[in-house]
């Protein structure tokens, strides 16, 4: 199994707009072969350590690296990326496997 943590930081004040586009794209991603989990998460209220109001983390689980690669090449992902590109300040993507 492949785990992905993608830390997305939007330009100031753009997180909700990017998340709306993300949520609209989720059904297509969930329908992809090998998708086990794909969701955005934000800081829990009252948390002592935070990513901040302009960031969110995408938590993903994929059955295989091949499925993850196909996800990255999917047309709906290209469309989503083009839609939010100008609203995103940075991305840090971590690819992990069970330890």
PDB file of N, CA and C in Angstrom:
ATOM      1  N   UNK A   1       0.845  -1.175   0.000  1.00  0.00           N
ATOM      2  CA  UNK A   1       0.000   0.000   0.000  1.00  0.00           C
ATOM      3  C   UNK A   1       0.889   1.237   0.000  1.00  0.00           C
ATOM      4  N   UNK A   2       0.466   2.239  -0.745  1.00  0.00           N
ATOM      5  CA  UNK A   2       1.177   3.516  -0.817  1.00  0.00           C
ATOM      6  C   UNK A   2       0.349   4.573  -0.083  1.00  0.00           C
ATOM      7  N   UNK A   3       1.003   5.282   0.815  1.00  0.00           N
ATOM      8  CA  UNK A   3       0.375   6.380   1.550  1.00  0.00           C
ATOM      9  C   UNK A   3       0.963   7.683   1.003  1.00  0.00           C
ATOM     10  N   UNK A   4       0.125   8.675   0.863  1.00  0.00           N
ATOM     11  CA  UNK A   4       0.585   9.980   0.405  1.00  0.00           C
ATOM     12  C   UNK A   4       0.062  11.032   1.372  1.00  0.00           C
ATOM     13  N   UNK A   5       0.947  11.921   1.793  1.00  0.00           N
ATOM     14  CA  UNK A   5       0.568  13.112   2.551  1.00  0.00           C
ATOM     15  C   UNK A   5       1.018  14.301   1.730  1.00  0.00           C
ATOM     16  N   UNK A   6       0.063  15.086   1.302  1.00  0.00           N
ATOM     17  CA  UNK A   6       0.372  16.265   0.502  1.00  0.00           C
ATOM     18  C   UNK A   6      -0.013  17.495   1.313  1.00  0.00           C
ATOM     19  N   UNK A   7       0.977  18.310   1.649  1.00  0.00           N
ATOM     20  CA  UNK A   7       0.733  19.537   2.416  1.00  0.00           C
ATOM     21  C   UNK A   7       0.609  20.676   1.409  1.00  0.00           C
ATOM     22  N   UNK A   8      -0.590  21.226   1.340  1.00  0.00           N
ATOM     23  CA  UNK A   8      -0.897  22.277   0.372  1.00  0.00           C
ATOM     24  C   UNK A   8      -1.063  23.597   1.116  1.00  0.00           C
ATOM     25  N   UNK A   9      -0.338  24.606   0.701  1.00  0.00           N
ATOM     26  CA  UNK A   9      -0.496  25.954   1.249  1.00  0.00           C
ATOM     27  C   UNK A   9      -0.996  26.842   0.130  1.00  0.00           C
ATOM     28  N   UNK A  10      -2.134  27.455   0.389  1.00  0.00           N
ATOM     29  CA  UNK A  10      -2.720  28.339  -0.619  1.00  0.00           C
ATOM     30  C   UNK A  10      -2.230  29.768  -0.413  1.00  0.00           C
ATOM     31  N   UNK A  11      -2.466  30.584  -1.386  1.00  0.00           N
ATOM     32  CA  UNK A  11      -2.223  32.011  -1.207  1.00  0.00           C
ATOM     33  C   UNK A  11      -3.206  32.501  -0.146  1.00  0.00           C
ATOM     34  N   UNK A  12      -2.877  33.569   0.565  1.00  0.00           N
ATOM     35  CA  UNK A  12      -3.713  34.025   1.684  1.00  0.00           C
ATOM     36  C   UNK A  12      -5.193  34.143   1.306  1.00  0.00           C
ATOM     37  N   UNK A  13      -6.019  33.525   2.159  1.00  0.00           N
ATOM     38  CA  UNK A  13      -7.462  33.612   2.001  1.00  0.00           C
ATOM     39  C   UNK A  13      -8.069  32.723   0.933  1.00  0.00           C
ATOM     40  N   UNK A  14      -7.277  31.875   0.297  1.00  0.00           N
ATOM     41  CA  UNK A  14      -7.779  31.069  -0.825  1.00  0.00           C
ATOM     42  C   UNK A  14      -8.098  29.615  -0.453  1.00  0.00           C
ATOM     43  N   UNK A  15      -7.859  29.207   0.790  1.00  0.00           N
ATOM     44  CA  UNK A  15      -8.041  27.796   1.147  1.00  0.00           C
ATOM     45  C   UNK A  15      -9.459  27.291   0.864  1.00  0.00           C
ATOM     46  N   UNK A  16     -10.483  28.034   1.256  1.00  0.00           N
ATOM     47  CA  UNK A  16     -11.854  27.563   1.060  1.00  0.00           C
ATOM     48  C   UNK A  16     -12.187  27.397  -0.419  1.00  0.00           C
ATOM     49  N   UNK A  17     -11.691  28.278  -1.258  1.00  0.00           N
ATOM     50  CA  UNK A  17     -11.940  28.186  -2.696  1.00  0.00           C
ATOM     51  C   UNK A  17     -11.249  26.964  -3.286  1.00  0.00           C
ATOM     52  N   UNK A  18     -10.009  26.731  -2.882  1.00  0.00           N
ATOM     53  CA  UNK A  18      -9.284  25.548  -3.361  1.00  0.00           C
ATOM     54  C   UNK A  18      -9.959  24.284  -2.846  1.00  0.00           C
ATOM     55  N   UNK A  19     -10.378  24.277  -1.582  1.00  0.00           N
ATOM     56  CA  UNK A  19     -11.049  23.098  -1.035  1.00  0.00           C
ATOM     57  C   UNK A  19     -12.368  22.814  -1.751  1.00  0.00           C
ATOM     58  N   UNK A  20     -13.087  23.840  -2.172  1.00  0.00           N
ATOM     59  CA  UNK A  20     -14.329  23.623  -2.918  1.00  0.00           C
ATOM     60  C   UNK A  20     -14.034  22.890  -4.228  1.00  0.00           C
ATOM     61  N   UNK A  21     -12.982  23.291  -4.920  1.00  0.00           N
ATOM     62  CA  UNK A  21     -12.584  22.607  -6.160  1.00  0.00           C
ATOM     63  C   UNK A  21     -12.103  21.192  -5.860  1.00  0.00           C
ATOM     64  N   UNK A  22     -11.373  21.025  -4.769  1.00  0.00           N
ATOM     65  CA  UNK A  22     -10.897  19.708  -4.366  1.00  0.00           C
ATOM     66  C   UNK A  22     -12.084  18.768  -4.127  1.00  0.00           C
ATOM     67  N   UNK A  23     -13.058  19.241  -3.345  1.00  0.00           N
ATOM     68  CA  UNK A  23     -14.228  18.415  -3.036  1.00  0.00           C
ATOM     69  C   UNK A  23     -15.011  18.060  -4.304  1.00  0.00           C
ATOM     70  N   UNK A  24     -15.087  18.978  -5.243  1.00  0.00           N
ATOM     71  CA  UNK A  24     -15.786  18.696  -6.503  1.00  0.00           C
ATOM     72  C   UNK A  24     -15.082  17.596  -7.302  1.00  0.00           C
ATOM     73  N   UNK A  25     -13.785  17.480  -7.153  1.00  0.00           N
ATOM     74  CA  UNK A  25     -12.984  16.480  -7.871  1.00  0.00           C
ATOM     75  C   UNK A  25     -12.946  15.121  -7.168  1.00  0.00           C
ATOM     76  N   UNK A  26     -13.305  15.076  -5.904  1.00  0.00           N
ATOM     77  CA  UNK A  26     -13.182  13.843  -5.116  1.00  0.00           C
ATOM     78  C   UNK A  26     -13.953  12.649  -5.684  1.00  0.00           C
ATOM     79  N   UNK A  27     -15.183  12.792  -6.162  1.00  0.00           N
ATOM     80  CA  UNK A  27     -15.872  11.607  -6.689  1.00  0.00           C
ATOM     81  C   UNK A  27     -15.116  10.932  -7.838  1.00  0.00           C
ATOM     82  N   UNK A  28     -14.507  11.711  -8.712  1.00  0.00           N
ATOM     83  CA  UNK A  28     -13.730  11.130  -9.811  1.00  0.00           C
ATOM     84  C   UNK A  28     -12.517  10.389  -9.278  1.00  0.00           C
ATOM     85  N   UNK A  29     -11.873  10.932  -8.262  1.00  0.00           N
ATOM     86  CA  UNK A  29     -10.702  10.270  -7.674  1.00  0.00           C
ATOM     87  C   UNK A  29     -11.119   8.986  -6.957  1.00  0.00           C
ATOM     88  N   UNK A  30     -12.194   9.061  -6.191  1.00  0.00           N
ATOM     89  CA  UNK A  30     -12.654   7.867  -5.468  1.00  0.00           C
ATOM     90  C   UNK A  30     -13.031   6.733  -6.425  1.00  0.00           C
ATOM     91  N   UNK A  31     -13.407   7.056  -7.647  1.00  0.00           N
ATOM     92  CA  UNK A  31     -13.773   6.049  -8.645  1.00  0.00           C
ATOM     93  C   UNK A  31     -12.550   5.417  -9.321  1.00  0.00           C
ATOM     94  N   UNK A  32     -11.367   5.979  -9.108  1.00  0.00           N
ATOM     95  CA  UNK A  32     -10.158   5.466  -9.751  1.00  0.00           C
ATOM     96  C   UNK A  32      -9.769   4.099  -9.188  1.00  0.00           C
ATOM     97  N   UNK A  33      -9.198   3.276 -10.057  1.00  0.00           N
ATOM     98  CA  UNK A  33      -8.693   1.964  -9.649  1.00  0.00           C
ATOM     99  C   UNK A  33      -7.621   2.151  -8.564  1.00  0.00           C
ATOM    100  N   UNK A  34      -7.757   1.412  -7.481  1.00  0.00           N
ATOM    101  CA  UNK A  34      -6.743   1.419  -6.436  1.00  0.00           C
ATOM    102  C   UNK A  34      -6.876   2.498  -5.381  1.00  0.00           C
ATOM    103  N   UNK A  35      -7.847   3.390  -5.523  1.00  0.00           N
ATOM    104  CA  UNK A  35      -8.021   4.444  -4.513  1.00  0.00           C
ATOM    105  C   UNK A  35      -8.682   3.844  -3.277  1.00  0.00           C
ATOM    106  N   UNK A  36      -7.995   3.921  -2.160  1.00  0.00           N
ATOM    107  CA  UNK A  36      -8.507   3.423  -0.892  1.00  0.00           C
ATOM    108  C   UNK A  36      -8.992   4.585  -0.028  1.00  0.00           C
ATOM    109  N   UNK A  37      -8.245   5.670  -0.045  1.00  0.00           N
ATOM    110  CA  UNK A  37      -8.612   6.857   0.730  1.00  0.00           C
ATOM    111  C   UNK A  37      -8.073   8.089   0.020  1.00  0.00           C
ATOM    112  N   UNK A  38      -8.873   9.144   0.017  1.00  0.00           N
ATOM    113  CA  UNK A  38      -8.458  10.406  -0.595  1.00  0.00           C
ATOM    114  C   UNK A  38      -9.329  11.489   0.009  1.00  0.00           C
ATOM    115  N   UNK A  39      -8.736  12.291   0.904  1.00  0.00           N
ATOM    116  CA  UNK A  39      -9.516  13.343   1.547  1.00  0.00           C
ATOM    117  C   UNK A  39      -8.613  14.458   2.060  1.00  0.00           C
ATOM    118  N   UNK A  40      -9.158  15.669   2.118  1.00  0.00           N
ATOM    119  CA  UNK A  40      -8.403  16.769   2.716  1.00  0.00           C
ATOM    120  C   UNK A  40      -8.724  16.876   4.208  1.00  0.00           C
ATOM    121  N   UNK A  41      -7.737  17.278   4.988  1.00  0.00           N
ATOM    122  CA  UNK A  41      -7.948  17.528   6.411  1.00  0.00           C
ATOM    123  C   UNK A  41      -7.332  18.881   6.763  1.00  0.00           C
ATOM    124  N   UNK A  42      -7.933  19.520   7.753  1.00  0.00           N
ATOM    125  CA  UNK A  42      -7.445  20.822   8.214  1.00  0.00           C
ATOM    126  C   UNK A  42      -7.174  20.734   9.713  1.00  0.00           C
ATOM    127  N   UNK A  43      -6.542  21.765  10.245  1.00  0.00           N
ATOM    128  CA  UNK A  43      -6.218  21.799  11.662  1.00  0.00           C
ATOM    129  C   UNK A  43      -7.468  21.595  12.514  1.00  0.00           C
ATOM    130  N   UNK A  44      -7.339  20.777  13.552  1.00  0.00           N
ATOM    131  CA  UNK A  44      -8.414  20.600  14.526  1.00  0.00           C
ATOM    132  C   UNK A  44      -8.475  21.839  15.416  1.00  0.00           C
ATOM    133  N   UNK A  45      -9.685  22.275  15.723  1.00  0.00           N
ATOM    134  CA  UNK A  45      -9.863  23.439  16.594  1.00  0.00           C
ATOM    135  C   UNK A  45      -9.170  23.195  17.926  1.00  0.00           C
ATOM    136  N   UNK A  46      -8.439  24.171  18.390  1.00  0.00           N
ATOM    137  CA  UNK A  46      -7.759  24.083  19.673  1.00  0.00           C
ATOM    138  C   UNK A  46      -6.474  23.281  19.665  1.00  0.00           C
ATOM    139  N   UNK A  47      -6.051  22.852  18.470  1.00  0.00           N
ATOM    140  CA  UNK A  47      -4.830  22.068  18.375  1.00  0.00           C
ATOM    141  C   UNK A  47      -3.614  22.920  18.723  1.00  0.00           C
ATOM    142  N   UNK A  48      -2.661  22.368  19.490  1.00  0.00           N
ATOM    143  CA  UNK A  48      -1.473  23.146  19.851  1.00  0.00           C
ATOM    144  C   UNK A  48      -0.492  23.326  18.683  1.00  0.00           C
ATOM    145  N   UNK A  49      -0.519  22.445  17.719  1.00  0.00           N
ATOM    146  CA  UNK A  49       0.367  22.558  16.553  1.00  0.00           C
ATOM    147  C   UNK A  49      -0.510  22.634  15.307  1.00  0.00           C
ATOM    148  N   UNK A  50      -0.278  23.647  14.489  1.00  0.00           N
ATOM    149  CA  UNK A  50      -1.156  23.839  13.342  1.00  0.00           C
ATOM    150  C   UNK A  50      -0.361  24.081  12.059  1.00  0.00           C
ATOM    151  N   UNK A  51      -1.002  23.773  10.950  1.00  0.00           N
ATOM    152  CA  UNK A  51      -0.461  24.111   9.641  1.00  0.00           C
ATOM    153  C   UNK A  51      -0.833  25.545   9.277  1.00  0.00           C
ATOM    154  N   UNK A  52      -1.917  26.058   9.845  1.00  0.00           N
ATOM    155  CA  UNK A  52      -2.328  27.434   9.621  1.00  0.00           C
ATOM    156  C   UNK A  52      -3.573  27.544   8.757  1.00  0.00           C
ATOM    157  N   UNK A  53      -4.145  28.752   8.702  1.00  0.00           N
ATOM    158  CA  UNK A  53      -5.434  28.964   8.042  1.00  0.00           C
ATOM    159  C   UNK A  53      -5.388  28.879   6.519  1.00  0.00           C
ATOM    160  N   UNK A  54      -4.224  28.861   5.940  1.00  0.00           N
ATOM    161  CA  UNK A  54      -4.116  28.799   4.482  1.00  0.00           C
ATOM    162  C   UNK A  54      -3.603  27.442   3.996  1.00  0.00           C
ATOM    163  N   UNK A  55      -3.556  26.454   4.891  1.00  0.00           N
ATOM    164  CA  UNK A  55      -3.026  25.144   4.517  1.00  0.00           C
ATOM    165  C   UNK A  55      -4.017  24.030   4.798  1.00  0.00           C
ATOM    166  N   UNK A  56      -3.856  22.936   4.059  1.00  0.00           N
ATOM    167  CA  UNK A  56      -4.569  21.701   4.339  1.00  0.00           C
ATOM    168  C   UNK A  56      -3.673  20.545   3.929  1.00  0.00           C
ATOM    169  N   UNK A  57      -3.997  19.368   4.430  1.00  0.00           N
ATOM    170  CA  UNK A  57      -3.222  18.173   4.129  1.00  0.00           C
ATOM    171  C   UNK A  57      -4.141  17.186   3.422  1.00  0.00           C
ATOM    172  N   UNK A  58      -3.665  16.641   2.313  1.00  0.00           N
ATOM    173  CA  UNK A  58      -4.406  15.606   1.612  1.00  0.00           C
ATOM    174  C   UNK A  58      -3.863  14.258   2.096  1.00  0.00           C
ATOM    175  N   UNK A  59      -4.760  13.423   2.602  1.00  0.00           N
ATOM    176  CA  UNK A  59      -4.412  12.092   3.084  1.00  0.00           C
ATOM    177  C   UNK A  59      -4.901  11.100   2.025  1.00  0.00           C
ATOM    178  N   UNK A  60      -3.964  10.328   1.484  1.00  0.00           N
ATOM    179  CA  UNK A  60      -4.294   9.386   0.418  1.00  0.00           C
ATOM    180  C   UNK A  60      -3.754   8.003   0.750  1.00  0.00           C
ATOM    181  N   UNK A  61      -4.472   6.983   0.291  1.00  0.00           N
ATOM    182  CA  UNK A  61      -3.984   5.603   0.334  1.00  0.00           C
ATOM    183  C   UNK A  61      -4.311   4.984  -1.014  1.00  0.00           C
ATOM    184  N   UNK A  62      -3.301   4.325  -1.590  1.00  0.00           N
ATOM    185  CA  UNK A  62      -3.434   3.688  -2.902  1.00  0.00           C
ATOM    186  C   UNK A  62      -2.998   2.240  -2.810  1.00  0.00           C
ATOM    187  N   UNK A  63      -3.644   1.379  -3.574  1.00  0.00           N
ATOM    188  CA  UNK A  63      -3.329  -0.041  -3.553  1.00  0.00           C
ATOM    189  C   UNK A  63      -1.925  -0.322  -4.072  1.00  0.00           C
ATOM    190  N   UNK A  64      -1.451   0.483  -5.034  1.00  0.00           N
ATOM    191  CA  UNK A  64      -0.121   0.245  -5.611  1.00  0.00           C
ATOM    192  C   UNK A  64       0.457   1.539  -6.160  1.00  0.00           C
ATOM    193  N   UNK A  65       1.753   1.521  -6.408  1.00  0.00           N
ATOM    194  CA  UNK A  65       2.413   2.673  -7.021  1.00  0.00           C
ATOM    195  C   UNK A  65       1.881   2.901  -8.434  1.00  0.00           C
ATOM    196  N   UNK A  66       1.551   1.831  -9.136  1.00  0.00           N
ATOM    197  CA  UNK A  66       0.993   1.963 -10.488  1.00  0.00           C
ATOM    198  C   UNK A  66      -0.340   2.707 -10.456  1.00  0.00           C
ATOM    199  N   UNK A  67      -1.187   2.390  -9.462  1.00  0.00           N
ATOM    200  CA  UNK A  67      -2.464   3.099  -9.319  1.00  0.00           C
ATOM    201  C   UNK A  67      -2.233   4.574  -9.016  1.00  0.00           C
ATOM    202  N   UNK A  68      -1.255   4.857  -8.160  1.00  0.00           N
ATOM    203  CA  UNK A  68      -0.938   6.253  -7.832  1.00  0.00           C
ATOM    204  C   UNK A  68      -0.433   6.999  -9.058  1.00  0.00           C
ATOM    205  N   UNK A  69       0.415   6.356  -9.859  1.00  0.00           N
ATOM    206  CA  UNK A  69       0.916   6.995 -11.083  1.00  0.00           C
ATOM    207  C   UNK A  69      -0.219   7.281 -12.055  1.00  0.00           C
ATOM    208  N   UNK A  70      -1.164   6.343 -12.188  1.00  0.00           N
ATOM    209  CA  UNK A  70      -2.318   6.562 -13.067  1.00  0.00           C
ATOM    210  C   UNK A  70      -3.159   7.723 -12.552  1.00  0.00           C
ATOM    211  N   UNK A  71      -3.306   7.827 -11.250  1.00  0.00           N
ATOM    212  CA  UNK A  71      -4.030   8.948 -10.640  1.00  0.00           C
ATOM    213  C   UNK A  71      -3.392  10.282 -11.049  1.00  0.00           C
ATOM    214  N   UNK A  72      -2.073  10.348 -10.943  1.00  0.00           N
ATOM    215  CA  UNK A  72      -1.370  11.583 -11.288  1.00  0.00           C
ATOM    216  C   UNK A  72      -1.533  11.976 -12.746  1.00  0.00           C
ATOM    217  N   UNK A  73      -1.775  11.005 -13.609  1.00  0.00           N
ATOM    218  CA  UNK A  73      -1.916  11.267 -15.044  1.00  0.00           C
ATOM    219  C   UNK A  73      -3.374  11.415 -15.483  1.00  0.00           C
ATOM    220  N   UNK A  74      -4.315  11.275 -14.557  1.00  0.00           N
ATOM    221  CA  UNK A  74      -5.736  11.315 -14.906  1.00  0.00           C
ATOM    222  C   UNK A  74      -6.145  12.702 -15.411  1.00  0.00           C
ATOM    223  N   UNK A  75      -6.989  12.760 -16.432  1.00  0.00           N
ATOM    224  CA  UNK A  75      -7.437  14.058 -16.972  1.00  0.00           C
ATOM    225  C   UNK A  75      -8.115  14.946 -15.925  1.00  0.00           C
ATOM    226  N   UNK A  76      -8.890  14.358 -15.022  1.00  0.00           N
ATOM    227  CA  UNK A  76      -9.561  15.189 -14.008  1.00  0.00           C
ATOM    228  C   UNK A  76      -8.559  15.813 -13.042  1.00  0.00           C
ATOM    229  N   UNK A  77      -7.401  15.170 -12.848  1.00  0.00           N
ATOM    230  CA  UNK A  77      -6.378  15.772 -11.994  1.00  0.00           C
ATOM    231  C   UNK A  77      -5.698  16.939 -12.709  1.00  0.00           C
ATOM    232  N   UNK A  78      -5.483  16.807 -14.007  1.00  0.00           N
ATOM    233  CA  UNK A  78      -4.916  17.917 -14.783  1.00  0.00           C
ATOM    234  C   UNK A  78      -5.871  19.103 -14.770  1.00  0.00           C
ATOM    235  N   UNK A  79      -7.162  18.826 -14.903  1.00  0.00           N
ATOM    236  CA  UNK A  79      -8.154  19.910 -14.891  1.00  0.00           C
ATOM    237  C   UNK A  79      -8.205  20.591 -13.527  1.00  0.00           C
ATOM    238  N   UNK A  80      -8.175  19.790 -12.457  1.00  0.00           N
ATOM    239  CA  UNK A  80      -8.165  20.354 -11.107  1.00  0.00           C
ATOM    240  C   UNK A  80      -6.912  21.209 -10.897  1.00  0.00           C
ATOM    241  N   UNK A  81      -5.758  20.686 -11.295  1.00  0.00           N
ATOM    242  CA  UNK A  81      -4.505  21.425 -11.138  1.00  0.00           C
ATOM    243  C   UNK A  81      -4.518  22.751 -11.865  1.00  0.00           C
ATOM    244  N   UNK A  82      -5.052  22.758 -13.072  1.00  0.00           N
ATOM    245  CA  UNK A  82      -5.126  24.002 -13.839  1.00  0.00           C
ATOM    246  C   UNK A  82      -6.066  24.998 -13.174  1.00  0.00           C
ATOM    247  N   UNK A  83      -7.139  24.489 -12.592  1.00  0.00           N
ATOM    248  CA  UNK A  83      -8.138  25.366 -11.963  1.00  0.00           C
ATOM    249  C   UNK A  83      -7.592  26.063 -10.718  1.00  0.00           C
ATOM    250  N   UNK A  84      -6.767  25.365  -9.939  1.00  0.00           N
ATOM    251  CA  UNK A  84      -6.307  25.927  -8.663  1.00  0.00           C
ATOM    252  C   UNK A  84      -4.872  26.450  -8.700  1.00  0.00           C
ATOM    253  N   UNK A  85      -4.177  26.250  -9.793  1.00  0.00           N
ATOM    254  CA  UNK A  85      -2.738  26.580  -9.881  1.00  0.00           C
ATOM    255  C   UNK A  85      -2.413  27.983  -9.376  1.00  0.00           C
ATOM    256  N   UNK A  86      -3.172  28.972  -9.771  1.00  0.00           N
ATOM    257  CA  UNK A  86      -2.858  30.355  -9.397  1.00  0.00           C
ATOM    258  C   UNK A  86      -3.230  30.683  -7.953  1.00  0.00           C
ATOM    259  N   UNK A  87      -3.916  29.767  -7.280  1.00  0.00           N
ATOM    260  CA  UNK A  87      -4.316  29.986  -5.889  1.00  0.00           C
ATOM    261  C   UNK A  87      -3.407  29.274  -4.895  1.00  0.00           C
ATOM    262  N   UNK A  88      -2.507  28.408  -5.391  1.00  0.00           N
ATOM    263  CA  UNK A  88      -1.639  27.614  -4.518  1.00  0.00           C
ATOM    264  C   UNK A  88      -0.264  28.270  -4.409  1.00  0.00           C
ATOM    265  N   UNK A  89       0.203  28.431  -3.174  1.00  0.00           N
ATOM    266  CA  UNK A  89       1.521  29.019  -2.936  1.00  0.00           C
ATOM    267  C   UNK A  89       2.610  27.950  -2.928  1.00  0.00           C
ATOM    268  N   UNK A  90       2.308  26.769  -2.332  1.00  0.00           N
ATOM    269  CA  UNK A  90       3.317  25.703  -2.284  1.00  0.00           C
ATOM    270  C   UNK A  90       2.655  24.353  -2.032  1.00  0.00           C
ATOM    271  N   UNK A  91       3.402  23.304  -2.392  1.00  0.00           N
ATOM    272  CA  UNK A  91       2.976  21.924  -2.153  1.00  0.00           C
ATOM    273  C   UNK A  91       4.199  21.122  -1.717  1.00  0.00           C
ATOM    274  N   UNK A  92       4.001  20.279  -0.721  1.00  0.00           N
ATOM    275  CA  UNK A  92       5.044  19.323  -0.308  1.00  0.00           C
ATOM    276  C   UNK A  92       4.362  17.967  -0.270  1.00  0.00           C
ATOM    277  N   UNK A  93       4.827  17.049  -1.127  1.00  0.00           N
ATOM    278  CA  UNK A  93       4.175  15.751  -1.235  1.00  0.00           C
ATOM    279  C   UNK A  93       5.133  14.665  -0.746  1.00  0.00           C
ATOM    280  N   UNK A  94       4.631  13.832   0.157  1.00  0.00           N
ATOM    281  CA  UNK A  94       5.421  12.758   0.752  1.00  0.00           C
ATOM    282  C   UNK A  94       4.795  11.425   0.385  1.00  0.00           C
ATOM    283  N   UNK A  95       5.595  10.521  -0.181  1.00  0.00           N
ATOM    284  CA  UNK A  95       5.166   9.186  -0.578  1.00  0.00           C
ATOM    285  C   UNK A  95       5.728   8.198   0.441  1.00  0.00           C
ATOM    286  N   UNK A  96       4.852   7.390   1.038  1.00  0.00           N
ATOM    287  CA  UNK A  96       5.247   6.516   2.126  1.00  0.00           C
ATOM    288  C   UNK A  96       4.686   5.109   1.917  1.00  0.00           C
ATOM    289  N   UNK A  97       5.249   4.156   2.634  1.00  0.00           N
ATOM    290  CA  UNK A  97       4.729   2.802   2.640  1.00  0.00           C
ATOM    291  C   UNK A  97       4.749   2.301   4.078  1.00  0.00           C
ATOM    292  N   UNK A  98       4.096   1.199   4.319  1.00  0.00           N
ATOM    293  CA  UNK A  98       4.045   0.668   5.679  1.00  0.00           C
ATOM    294  C   UNK A  98       5.437   0.353   6.199  1.00  0.00           C
ATOM    295  N   UNK A  99       5.712   0.690   7.455  1.00  0.00           N
ATOM    296  CA  UNK A  99       7.016   0.477   8.046  1.00  0.00           C
ATOM    297  C   UNK A  99       7.096  -0.783   8.854  1.00  0.00           C
TER     298      UNK A  99
END
